PDB file of N, CA and C in Angstrom:
ATOM      1  N   MET A   1       7.876  57.510 -49.238  1.00  0.00           N
ATOM      2  CA  MET A   1       8.357  58.737 -49.449  1.00  0.00           C
ATOM      3  C   MET A   1       8.955  59.119 -50.884  1.00  0.00           C
ATOM      4  N   THR A   2       8.646  60.174 -51.352  1.00  0.00           N
ATOM      5  CA  THR A   2       9.242  60.469 -52.567  1.00  0.00           C
ATOM      6  C   THR A   2      10.514  60.786 -52.494  1.00  0.00           C
ATOM      7  N   PRO A   3      11.356  60.833 -53.508  1.00  0.00           N
ATOM      8  CA  PRO A   3      12.826  61.263 -53.465  1.00  0.00           C
ATOM      9  C   PRO A   3      12.938  62.550 -53.226  1.00  0.00           C
ATOM     10  N   TRP A   4      12.045  63.724 -53.658  1.00  0.00           N
ATOM     11  CA  TRP A   4      12.084  64.991 -53.545  1.00  0.00           C
ATOM     12  C   TRP A   4      11.733  65.352 -52.041  1.00  0.00           C
ATOM     13  N   LEU A   5      10.954  64.601 -51.460  1.00  0.00           N
ATOM     14  CA  LEU A   5      10.653  64.969 -50.037  1.00  0.00           C
ATOM     15  C   LEU A   5      11.795  64.414 -49.189  1.00  0.00           C
ATOM     16  N   VAL A   6      12.549  63.402 -49.452  1.00  0.00           N
ATOM     17  CA  VAL A   6      13.797  63.040 -48.904  1.00  0.00           C
ATOM     18  C   VAL A   6      14.778  64.130 -49.049  1.00  0.00           C
ATOM     19  N   ILE A   7      14.869  64.635 -50.166  1.00  0.00           N
ATOM     20  CA  ILE A   7      15.918  65.871 -50.498  1.00  0.00           C
ATOM     21  C   ILE A   7      15.665  66.855 -49.685  1.00  0.00           C
ATOM     22  N   VAL A   8      14.332  67.324 -49.791  1.00  0.00           N
ATOM     23  CA  VAL A   8      14.035  68.605 -48.743  1.00  0.00           C
ATOM     24  C   VAL A   8      14.188  68.439 -47.485  1.00  0.00           C
ATOM     25  N   ALA A   9      13.799  67.145 -46.959  1.00  0.00           N
ATOM     26  CA  ALA A   9      13.934  66.947 -45.547  1.00  0.00           C
ATOM     27  C   ALA A   9      15.477  66.890 -45.046  1.00  0.00           C
ATOM     28  N   VAL A  10      16.278  66.326 -45.809  1.00  0.00           N
ATOM     29  CA  VAL A  10      17.717  66.222 -45.591  1.00  0.00           C
ATOM     30  C   VAL A  10      18.269  67.799 -45.666  1.00  0.00           C
ATOM     31  N   GLY A  11      17.747  68.684 -46.684  1.00  0.00           N
ATOM     32  CA  GLY A  11      18.133  69.932 -46.749  1.00  0.00           C
ATOM     33  C   GLY A  11      17.840  70.676 -45.585  1.00  0.00           C
ATOM     34  N   VAL A  12      16.650  70.578 -45.258  1.00  0.00           N
ATOM     35  CA  VAL A  12      16.281  71.325 -43.979  1.00  0.00           C
ATOM     36  C   VAL A  12      16.841  70.891 -42.758  1.00  0.00           C
ATOM     37  N   ALA A  13      17.109  69.640 -42.499  1.00  0.00           N
ATOM     38  CA  ALA A  13      17.862  69.082 -41.317  1.00  0.00           C
ATOM     39  C   ALA A  13      19.494  69.652 -41.399  1.00  0.00           C
ATOM     40  N   SER A  14      19.997  69.739 -42.436  1.00  0.00           N
ATOM     41  CA  SER A  14      21.301  70.261 -42.704  1.00  0.00           C
ATOM     42  C   SER A  14      21.224  71.763 -42.275  1.00  0.00           C
ATOM     43  N   TYR A  15      20.456  72.342 -42.861  1.00  0.00           N
ATOM     44  CA  TYR A  15      20.315  73.846 -42.684  1.00  0.00           C
ATOM     45  C   TYR A  15      20.081  74.124 -41.032  1.00  0.00           C
ATOM     46  N   LEU A  16      19.302  73.396 -40.559  1.00  0.00           N
ATOM     47  CA  LEU A  16      19.081  73.706 -38.972  1.00  0.00           C
ATOM     48  C   LEU A  16      20.218  73.270 -38.338  1.00  0.00           C
ATOM     49  N   LEU A  17      20.885  72.205 -38.493  1.00  0.00           N
ATOM     50  CA  LEU A  17      22.072  71.910 -37.898  1.00  0.00           C
ATOM     51  C   LEU A  17      23.145  72.967 -37.980  1.00  0.00           C
ATOM     52  N   ARG A  18      23.353  73.495 -39.173  1.00  0.00           N
ATOM     53  CA  ARG A  18      24.343  74.550 -39.389  1.00  0.00           C
ATOM     54  C   ARG A  18      23.856  75.771 -38.569  1.00  0.00           C
ATOM     55  N   ILE A  19      22.698  76.157 -38.743  1.00  0.00           N
ATOM     56  CA  ILE A  19      22.297  77.498 -37.926  1.00  0.00           C
ATOM     57  C   ILE A  19      22.224  77.377 -36.742  1.00  0.00           C
ATOM     58  N   SER A  20      22.131  76.190 -36.135  1.00  0.00           N
ATOM     59  CA  SER A  20      21.956  76.002 -34.675  1.00  0.00           C
ATOM     60  C   SER A  20      23.212  76.326 -33.911  1.00  0.00           C
ATOM     61  N   MET A  21      24.435  76.038 -34.668  1.00  0.00           N
ATOM     62  CA  MET A  21      25.753  76.339 -34.158  1.00  0.00           C
ATOM     63  C   MET A  21      25.958  77.919 -34.012  1.00  0.00           C
ATOM     64  N   LEU A  22      25.583  78.455 -35.151  1.00  0.00           N
ATOM     65  CA  LEU A  22      25.683  80.123 -35.134  1.00  0.00           C
ATOM     66  C   LEU A  22      24.802  80.634 -34.039  1.00  0.00           C
ATOM     67  N   VAL A  23      23.486  80.034 -33.830  1.00  0.00           N
ATOM     68  CA  VAL A  23      22.672  80.753 -32.814  1.00  0.00           C
ATOM     69  C   VAL A  23      23.257  80.467 -31.504  1.00  0.00           C
ATOM     70  N   LEU A  24      23.840  79.169 -31.288  1.00  0.00           N
ATOM     71  CA  LEU A  24      24.372  78.777 -29.952  1.00  0.00           C
ATOM     72  C   LEU A  24      25.742  79.818 -29.633  1.00  0.00           C
ATOM     73  N   ALA A  25      26.447  79.959 -30.636  1.00  0.00           N
ATOM     74  CA  ALA A  25      27.697  80.765 -30.631  1.00  0.00           C
ATOM     75  C   ALA A  25      27.210  82.195 -30.048  1.00  0.00           C
ATOM     76  N   ALA A  26      26.182  82.670 -30.825  1.00  0.00           N
ATOM     77  CA  ALA A  26      25.769  84.156 -30.451  1.00  0.00           C
ATOM     78  C   ALA A  26      25.132  84.317 -28.980  1.00  0.00           C
ATOM     79  N   ARG A  27      24.618  83.150 -28.605  1.00  0.00           N
ATOM     80  CA  ARG A  27      24.061  83.404 -27.188  1.00  0.00           C
ATOM     81  C   ARG A  27      25.008  83.021 -26.168  1.00  0.00           C
ATOM     82  N   VAL A  28      25.822  82.063 -26.230  1.00  0.00           N
ATOM     83  CA  VAL A  28      26.729  81.469 -25.310  1.00  0.00           C
ATOM     84  C   VAL A  28      28.235  82.327 -25.428  1.00  0.00           C
ATOM     85  N   GLY A  29      28.552  82.490 -26.518  1.00  0.00           N
ATOM     86  CA  GLY A  29      29.823  83.060 -27.011  1.00  0.00           C
ATOM     87  C   GLY A  29      30.762  81.969 -27.500  1.00  0.00           C
ATOM     88  N   VAL A  30      31.932  82.322 -28.029  1.00  0.00           N
ATOM     89  CA  VAL A  30      32.678  81.370 -28.570  1.00  0.00           C
ATOM     90  C   VAL A  30      34.185  81.458 -27.572  1.00  0.00           C
ATOM     91  N   PRO A  31      34.520  80.299 -27.347  1.00  0.00           N
ATOM     92  CA  PRO A  31      35.835  80.245 -26.411  1.00  0.00           C
ATOM     93  C   PRO A  31      36.906  80.943 -27.195  1.00  0.00           C
ATOM     94  N   SER A  32      37.799  81.436 -26.365  1.00  0.00           N
ATOM     95  CA  SER A  32      38.976  82.387 -27.155  1.00  0.00           C
ATOM     96  C   SER A  32      39.981  81.377 -27.857  1.00  0.00           C
ATOM     97  N   ALA A  33      39.989  80.079 -27.428  1.00  0.00           N
ATOM     98  CA  ALA A  33      40.969  79.140 -28.130  1.00  0.00           C
ATOM     99  C   ALA A  33      40.265  78.953 -29.475  1.00  0.00           C
ATOM    100  N   LEU A  34      38.914  78.760 -29.661  1.00  0.00           N
ATOM    101  CA  LEU A  34      38.384  78.661 -30.929  1.00  0.00           C
ATOM    102  C   LEU A  34      38.350  79.930 -31.898  1.00  0.00           C
ATOM    103  N   GLU A  35      38.436  81.017 -31.306  1.00  0.00           N
ATOM    104  CA  GLU A  35      38.505  82.323 -31.929  1.00  0.00           C
ATOM    105  C   GLU A  35      39.966  82.481 -32.410  1.00  0.00           C
ATOM    106  N   ARG A  36      40.982  82.157 -31.720  1.00  0.00           N
ATOM    107  CA  ARG A  36      42.257  81.907 -32.250  1.00  0.00           C
ATOM    108  C   ARG A  36      42.508  81.052 -33.268  1.00  0.00           C
ATOM    109  N   ALA A  37      41.868  79.927 -33.206  1.00  0.00           N
ATOM    110  CA  ALA A  37      41.930  78.873 -34.254  1.00  0.00           C
ATOM    111  C   ALA A  37      41.395  79.303 -35.508  1.00  0.00           C
ATOM    112  N   ALA A  38      40.237  80.029 -35.338  1.00  0.00           N
ATOM    113  CA  ALA A  38      39.432  80.547 -36.649  1.00  0.00           C
ATOM    114  C   ALA A  38      40.288  81.280 -37.524  1.00  0.00           C
ATOM    115  N   ARG A  39      41.183  82.040 -36.970  1.00  0.00           N
ATOM    116  CA  ARG A  39      42.137  82.801 -37.826  1.00  0.00           C
ATOM    117  C   ARG A  39      42.860  81.883 -38.838  1.00  0.00           C
ATOM    118  N   PHE A  40      43.041  80.603 -38.661  1.00  0.00           N
ATOM    119  CA  PHE A  40      43.802  79.947 -39.623  1.00  0.00           C
ATOM    120  C   PHE A  40      42.886  79.231 -40.556  1.00  0.00           C
ATOM    121  N   SER A  41      41.622  79.599 -40.578  1.00  0.00           N
ATOM    122  CA  SER A  41      40.723  78.886 -41.550  1.00  0.00           C
ATOM    123  C   SER A  41      41.078  79.262 -42.868  1.00  0.00           C
ATOM    124  N   VAL A  42      41.110  80.570 -43.244  1.00  0.00           N
ATOM    125  CA  VAL A  42      41.304  81.063 -44.514  1.00  0.00           C
ATOM    126  C   VAL A  42      42.640  80.509 -45.237  1.00  0.00           C
ATOM    127  N   PRO A  43      43.758  80.644 -44.433  1.00  0.00           N
ATOM    128  CA  PRO A  43      44.960  79.895 -45.174  1.00  0.00           C
ATOM    129  C   PRO A  43      44.884  78.506 -45.258  1.00  0.00           C
ATOM    130  N   THR A  44      44.201  77.914 -44.463  1.00  0.00           N
ATOM    131  CA  THR A  44      44.184  76.509 -44.490  1.00  0.00           C
ATOM    132  C   THR A  44      43.176  76.025 -45.758  1.00  0.00           C
ATOM    133  N   ALA A  45      42.044  76.769 -45.916  1.00  0.00           N
ATOM    134  CA  ALA A  45      41.342  76.501 -47.155  1.00  0.00           C
ATOM    135  C   ALA A  45      41.994  76.673 -48.397  1.00  0.00           C
ATOM    136  N   PHE A  46      42.695  77.803 -48.488  1.00  0.00           N
ATOM    137  CA  PHE A  46      43.569  78.340 -49.778  1.00  0.00           C
ATOM    138  C   PHE A  46      44.805  77.131 -49.951  1.00  0.00           C
ATOM    139  N   SER A  47      45.531  76.530 -48.787  1.00  0.00           N
ATOM    140  CA  SER A  47      46.302  75.785 -49.027  1.00  0.00           C
ATOM    141  C   SER A  47      45.804  74.389 -49.524  1.00  0.00           C
ATOM    142  N   ALA A  48      44.554  73.956 -49.063  1.00  0.00           N
ATOM    143  CA  ALA A  48      43.971  72.848 -49.452  1.00  0.00           C
ATOM    144  C   ALA A  48      43.529  72.976 -50.919  1.00  0.00           C
ATOM    145  N   LEU A  49      42.938  74.060 -51.437  1.00  0.00           N
ATOM    146  CA  LEU A  49      42.658  74.227 -52.978  1.00  0.00           C
ATOM    147  C   LEU A  49      43.890  74.317 -53.590  1.00  0.00           C
ATOM    148  N   ALA A  50      45.092  74.820 -53.219  1.00  0.00           N
ATOM    149  CA  ALA A  50      46.381  74.818 -53.982  1.00  0.00           C
ATOM    150  C   ALA A  50      46.879  73.316 -53.980  1.00  0.00           C
ATOM    151  N   ALA A  51      46.847  72.568 -52.888  1.00  0.00           N
ATOM    152  CA  ALA A  51      47.472  71.382 -52.880  1.00  0.00           C
ATOM    153  C   ALA A  51      46.581  70.387 -53.834  1.00  0.00           C
ATOM    154  N   THR A  52      45.322  70.567 -53.761  1.00  0.00           N
ATOM    155  CA  THR A  52      44.544  69.612 -54.878  1.00  0.00           C
ATOM    156  C   THR A  52      44.767  70.003 -56.068  1.00  0.00           C
ATOM    157  N   ALA A  53      44.978  71.411 -56.424  1.00  0.00           N
ATOM    158  CA  ALA A  53      45.307  71.743 -57.788  1.00  0.00           C
ATOM    159  C   ALA A  53      46.761  71.075 -58.346  1.00  0.00           C
ATOM    160  N   LEU A  54      47.694  71.023 -57.377  1.00  0.00           N
ATOM    161  CA  LEU A  54      49.090  70.821 -57.607  1.00  0.00           C
ATOM    162  C   LEU A  54      48.958  69.206 -57.640  1.00  0.00           C
ATOM    163  N   ALA A  55      48.172  68.540 -57.063  1.00  0.00           N
ATOM    164  CA  ALA A  55      48.210  67.144 -57.174  1.00  0.00           C
ATOM    165  C   ALA A  55      47.381  66.787 -58.578  1.00  0.00           C
ATOM    166  N   THR A  56      46.415  67.472 -58.839  1.00  0.00           N
ATOM    167  CA  THR A  56      45.689  67.051 -60.219  1.00  0.00           C
ATOM    168  C   THR A  56      46.785  67.448 -61.308  1.00  0.00           C
ATOM    169  N   ARG A  57      47.436  68.485 -61.096  1.00  0.00           N
ATOM    170  CA  ARG A  57      48.347  68.830 -62.334  1.00  0.00           C
ATOM    171  C   ARG A  57      49.521  67.802 -62.282  1.00  0.00           C
ATOM    172  N   ALA A  58      50.000  67.465 -61.167  1.00  0.00           N
ATOM    173  CA  ALA A  58      51.152  66.437 -61.245  1.00  0.00           C
ATOM    174  C   ALA A  58      50.788  65.169 -61.882  1.00  0.00           C
ATOM    175  N   THR A  59      49.707  64.740 -61.993  1.00  0.00           N
ATOM    176  CA  THR A  59      49.305  63.502 -62.447  1.00  0.00           C
ATOM    177  C   THR A  59      49.191  63.669 -64.074  1.00  0.00           C
ATOM    178  N   GLY A  60      49.466  64.739 -64.571  1.00  0.00           N
ATOM    179  CA  GLY A  60      49.473  64.849 -65.979  1.00  0.00           C
ATOM    180  C   GLY A  60      48.294  65.503 -66.693  1.00  0.00           C
ATOM    181  N   ASP A  61      47.684  66.234 -65.936  1.00  0.00           N
ATOM    182  CA  ASP A  61      46.403  66.931 -66.623  1.00  0.00           C
ATOM    183  C   ASP A  61      46.814  68.313 -67.154  1.00  0.00           C
ATOM    184  N   GLY A  62      48.031  68.616 -67.111  1.00  0.00           N
ATOM    185  CA  GLY A  62      48.278  69.940 -67.494  1.00  0.00           C
ATOM    186  C   GLY A  62      49.487  70.548 -66.982  1.00  0.00           C
ATOM    187  N   PRO A  63      49.908  71.714 -67.269  1.00  0.00           N
ATOM    188  CA  PRO A  63      51.188  72.437 -66.523  1.00  0.00           C
ATOM    189  C   PRO A  63      50.799  72.903 -65.169  1.00  0.00           C
ATOM    190  N   ALA A  64      51.886  72.835 -64.216  1.00  0.00           N
ATOM    191  CA  ALA A  64      51.555  73.072 -63.009  1.00  0.00           C
ATOM    192  C   ALA A  64      51.744  74.629 -62.470  1.00  0.00           C
ATOM    193  N   LEU A  65      52.064  75.409 -63.517  1.00  0.00           N
ATOM    194  CA  LEU A  65      52.603  76.765 -63.376  1.00  0.00           C
ATOM    195  C   LEU A  65      51.441  77.782 -62.660  1.00  0.00           C
ATOM    196  N   ALA A  66      50.359  77.534 -62.937  1.00  0.00           N
ATOM    197  CA  ALA A  66      49.086  78.229 -62.432  1.00  0.00           C
ATOM    198  C   ALA A  66      49.041  77.977 -60.759  1.00  0.00           C
ATOM    199  N   PRO A  67      48.856  76.746 -60.318  1.00  0.00           N
ATOM    200  CA  PRO A  67      48.776  76.639 -58.983  1.00  0.00           C
ATOM    201  C   PRO A  67      49.963  77.043 -58.223  1.00  0.00           C
ATOM    202  N   PHE A  68      51.076  76.864 -58.761  1.00  0.00           N
ATOM    203  CA  PHE A  68      52.538  77.204 -58.131  1.00  0.00           C
ATOM    204  C   PHE A  68      52.630  78.654 -57.997  1.00  0.00           C
ATOM    205  N   ALA A  69      52.126  79.398 -59.119  1.00  0.00           N
ATOM    206  CA  ALA A  69      52.157  80.894 -58.848  1.00  0.00           C
ATOM    207  C   ALA A  69      51.162  81.311 -58.115  1.00  0.00           C
ATOM    208  N   ALA A  70      49.912  80.844 -57.973  1.00  0.00           N
ATOM    209  CA  ALA A  70      48.879  81.252 -57.100  1.00  0.00           C
ATOM    210  C   ALA A  70      49.296  81.148 -55.717  1.00  0.00           C
ATOM    211  N   MET A  71      49.844  80.001 -55.572  1.00  0.00           N
ATOM    212  CA  MET A  71      50.337  79.692 -54.183  1.00  0.00           C
ATOM    213  C   MET A  71      51.503  80.704 -53.692  1.00  0.00           C
ATOM    214  N   ALA A  72      52.434  80.985 -54.575  1.00  0.00           N
ATOM    215  CA  ALA A  72      53.412  81.881 -54.244  1.00  0.00           C
ATOM    216  C   ALA A  72      52.967  83.375 -54.162  1.00  0.00           C
ATOM    217  N   VAL A  73      52.032  83.817 -54.847  1.00  0.00           N
ATOM    218  CA  VAL A  73      51.227  85.065 -54.752  1.00  0.00           C
ATOM    219  C   VAL A  73      50.562  85.008 -53.463  1.00  0.00           C
ATOM    220  N   GLY A  74      49.924  84.100 -52.899  1.00  0.00           N
ATOM    221  CA  GLY A  74      49.326  83.884 -51.743  1.00  0.00           C
ATOM    222  C   GLY A  74      50.113  84.030 -50.506  1.00  0.00           C
ATOM    223  N   VAL A  75      51.151  83.352 -50.641  1.00  0.00           N
ATOM    224  CA  VAL A  75      52.267  83.466 -49.501  1.00  0.00           C
ATOM    225  C   VAL A  75      52.881  84.998 -49.460  1.00  0.00           C
ATOM    226  N   LEU A  76      53.239  85.449 -50.555  1.00  0.00           N
ATOM    227  CA  LEU A  76      53.779  86.880 -50.478  1.00  0.00           C
ATOM    228  C   LEU A  76      52.766  87.932 -50.119  1.00  0.00           C
ATOM    229  N   ALA A  77      51.371  87.814 -50.307  1.00  0.00           N
ATOM    230  CA  ALA A  77      50.457  88.743 -49.882  1.00  0.00           C
ATOM    231  C   ALA A  77      50.297  88.621 -48.419  1.00  0.00           C
ATOM    232  N   VAL A  78      50.287  87.491 -47.945  1.00  0.00           N
ATOM    233  CA  VAL A  78      50.157  87.215 -46.541  1.00  0.00           C
ATOM    234  C   VAL A  78      51.352  87.756 -45.642  1.00  0.00           C
ATOM    235  N   ARG A  79      52.616  87.483 -46.366  1.00  0.00           N
ATOM    236  CA  ARG A  79      53.814  87.961 -45.727  1.00  0.00           C
ATOM    237  C   ARG A  79      53.755  89.588 -45.637  1.00  0.00           C
ATOM    238  N   ARG A  80      53.328  90.136 -46.779  1.00  0.00           N
ATOM    239  CA  ARG A  80      53.418  91.680 -46.777  1.00  0.00           C
ATOM    240  C   ARG A  80      52.472  92.464 -46.035  1.00  0.00           C
ATOM    241  N   THR A  81      51.071  91.698 -45.976  1.00  0.00           N
ATOM    242  CA  THR A  81      50.024  92.421 -45.353  1.00  0.00           C
ATOM    243  C   THR A  81      49.780  91.858 -43.848  1.00  0.00           C
ATOM    244  N   GLY A  82      50.102  90.591 -43.593  1.00  0.00           N
ATOM    245  CA  GLY A  82      49.821  90.052 -42.312  1.00  0.00           C
ATOM    246  C   GLY A  82      48.513  89.496 -42.111  1.00  0.00           C
ATOM    247  N   SER A  83      47.718  89.586 -43.352  1.00  0.00           N
ATOM    248  CA  SER A  83      46.363  89.269 -43.162  1.00  0.00           C
ATOM    249  C   SER A  83      46.033  87.949 -43.962  1.00  0.00           C
ATOM    250  N   PRO A  84      45.462  86.993 -43.242  1.00  0.00           N
ATOM    251  CA  PRO A  84      45.271  85.655 -43.799  1.00  0.00           C
ATOM    252  C   PRO A  84      44.359  85.669 -45.167  1.00  0.00           C
ATOM    253  N   GLN A  85      43.364  86.736 -44.988  1.00  0.00           N
ATOM    254  CA  GLN A  85      42.447  86.833 -46.166  1.00  0.00           C
ATOM    255  C   GLN A  85      43.149  87.258 -47.496  1.00  0.00           C
ATOM    256  N   ALA A  86      44.407  87.898 -47.283  1.00  0.00           N
ATOM    257  CA  ALA A  86      45.179  88.325 -48.573  1.00  0.00           C
ATOM    258  C   ALA A  86      45.494  87.161 -49.448  1.00  0.00           C
ATOM    259  N   ALA A  87      45.655  86.016 -48.866  1.00  0.00           N
ATOM    260  CA  ALA A  87      45.922  84.746 -49.594  1.00  0.00           C
ATOM    261  C   ALA A  87      44.809  84.430 -50.473  1.00  0.00           C
ATOM    262  N   LEU A  88      43.622  84.633 -50.182  1.00  0.00           N
ATOM    263  CA  LEU A  88      42.518  84.288 -50.907  1.00  0.00           C
ATOM    264  C   LEU A  88      42.458  85.427 -52.109  1.00  0.00           C
ATOM    265  N   LEU A  89      42.573  86.729 -51.531  1.00  0.00           N
ATOM    266  CA  LEU A  89      42.198  87.971 -52.407  1.00  0.00           C
ATOM    267  C   LEU A  89      43.375  88.089 -53.389  1.00  0.00           C
ATOM    268  N   ALA A  90      44.430  87.593 -53.146  1.00  0.00           N
ATOM    269  CA  ALA A  90      45.605  87.636 -54.260  1.00  0.00           C
ATOM    270  C   ALA A  90      45.817  86.441 -54.969  1.00  0.00           C
ATOM    271  N   GLY A  91      45.730  85.291 -54.270  1.00  0.00           N
ATOM    272  CA  GLY A  91      45.985  83.982 -54.893  1.00  0.00           C
ATOM    273  C   GLY A  91      45.041  83.435 -55.783  1.00  0.00           C
ATOM    274  N   MET A  92      43.704  83.466 -55.524  1.00  0.00           N
ATOM    275  CA  MET A  92      42.613  83.029 -56.297  1.00  0.00           C
ATOM    276  C   MET A  92      42.531  83.706 -57.750  1.00  0.00           C
ATOM    277  N   PRO A  93      42.502  85.046 -57.746  1.00  0.00           N
ATOM    278  CA  PRO A  93      42.502  85.561 -59.127  1.00  0.00           C
ATOM    279  C   PRO A  93      43.737  85.228 -59.971  1.00  0.00           C
ATOM    280  N   THR A  94      44.860  85.181 -59.206  1.00  0.00           N
ATOM    281  CA  THR A  94      46.059  84.740 -59.911  1.00  0.00           C
ATOM    282  C   THR A  94      45.807  83.255 -60.496  1.00  0.00           C
ATOM    283  N   LEU A  95      45.273  82.423 -59.676  1.00  0.00           N
ATOM    284  CA  LEU A  95      45.014  80.976 -60.384  1.00  0.00           C
ATOM    285  C   LEU A  95      44.054  81.056 -61.248  1.00  0.00           C
ATOM    286  N   TRP A  96      42.898  81.723 -61.355  1.00  0.00           N
ATOM    287  CA  TRP A  96      41.953  81.805 -62.277  1.00  0.00           C
ATOM    288  C   TRP A  96      42.455  82.416 -63.651  1.00  0.00           C
ATOM    289  N   VAL A  97      43.321  83.572 -63.504  1.00  0.00           N
ATOM    290  CA  VAL A  97      43.773  84.137 -64.725  1.00  0.00           C
ATOM    291  C   VAL A  97      44.837  83.163 -65.422  1.00  0.00           C
ATOM    292  N   LEU A  98      45.736  82.744 -64.502  1.00  0.00           N
ATOM    293  CA  LEU A  98      46.764  81.900 -65.260  1.00  0.00           C
ATOM    294  C   LEU A  98      46.036  80.504 -65.805  1.00  0.00           C
ATOM    295  N   SER A  99      45.238  79.987 -65.160  1.00  0.00           N
ATOM    296  CA  SER A  99      44.536  78.807 -65.588  1.00  0.00           C
ATOM    297  C   SER A  99      43.764  78.925 -66.971  1.00  0.00           C
ATOM    298  N   ALA A 100      43.113  80.282 -67.020  1.00  0.00           N
ATOM    299  CA  ALA A 100      42.470  80.520 -68.209  1.00  0.00           C
ATOM    300  C   ALA A 100      43.508  80.882 -69.372  1.00  0.00           C
ATOM    301  N   LEU A 101      44.604  81.318 -69.028  1.00  0.00           N
ATOM    302  CA  LEU A 101      45.589  81.689 -70.025  1.00  0.00           C
ATOM    303  C   LEU A 101      46.200  80.373 -70.550  1.00  0.00           C
ATOM    304  N   SER A 102      46.442  79.525 -69.544  1.00  0.00           N
ATOM    305  CA  SER A 102      47.150  78.202 -70.229  1.00  0.00           C
ATOM    306  C   SER A 102      46.200  77.274 -70.785  1.00  0.00           C
ATOM    307  N   GLY A 103      45.077  77.621 -70.655  1.00  0.00           N
ATOM    308  CA  GLY A 103      44.059  76.798 -71.371  1.00  0.00           C
ATOM    309  C   GLY A 103      43.606  75.537 -70.709  1.00  0.00           C
TER     310      GLY A 103
END
């Protein structure tokens, strides 16, 4: 087998595995407990990104102002709107802009 054939085979297998869950969920339905838990995926992803950025900055790679500010903006956005998506919509641009400004 050539390396490219292996890469394509693994890519197709990965795609089929991922799409099978969506097809199964569309046919069978999603349990209500899973739907309730899915609401927390966006804030969890944002907090993981923020924690990683903070840990990277804490090791001396630069000032930690941008991740702290982005985290604060995300928390405030969620508090004001009640929408977990507000964390990403407000926090990520804040992180990008402050990171670009701080160099």
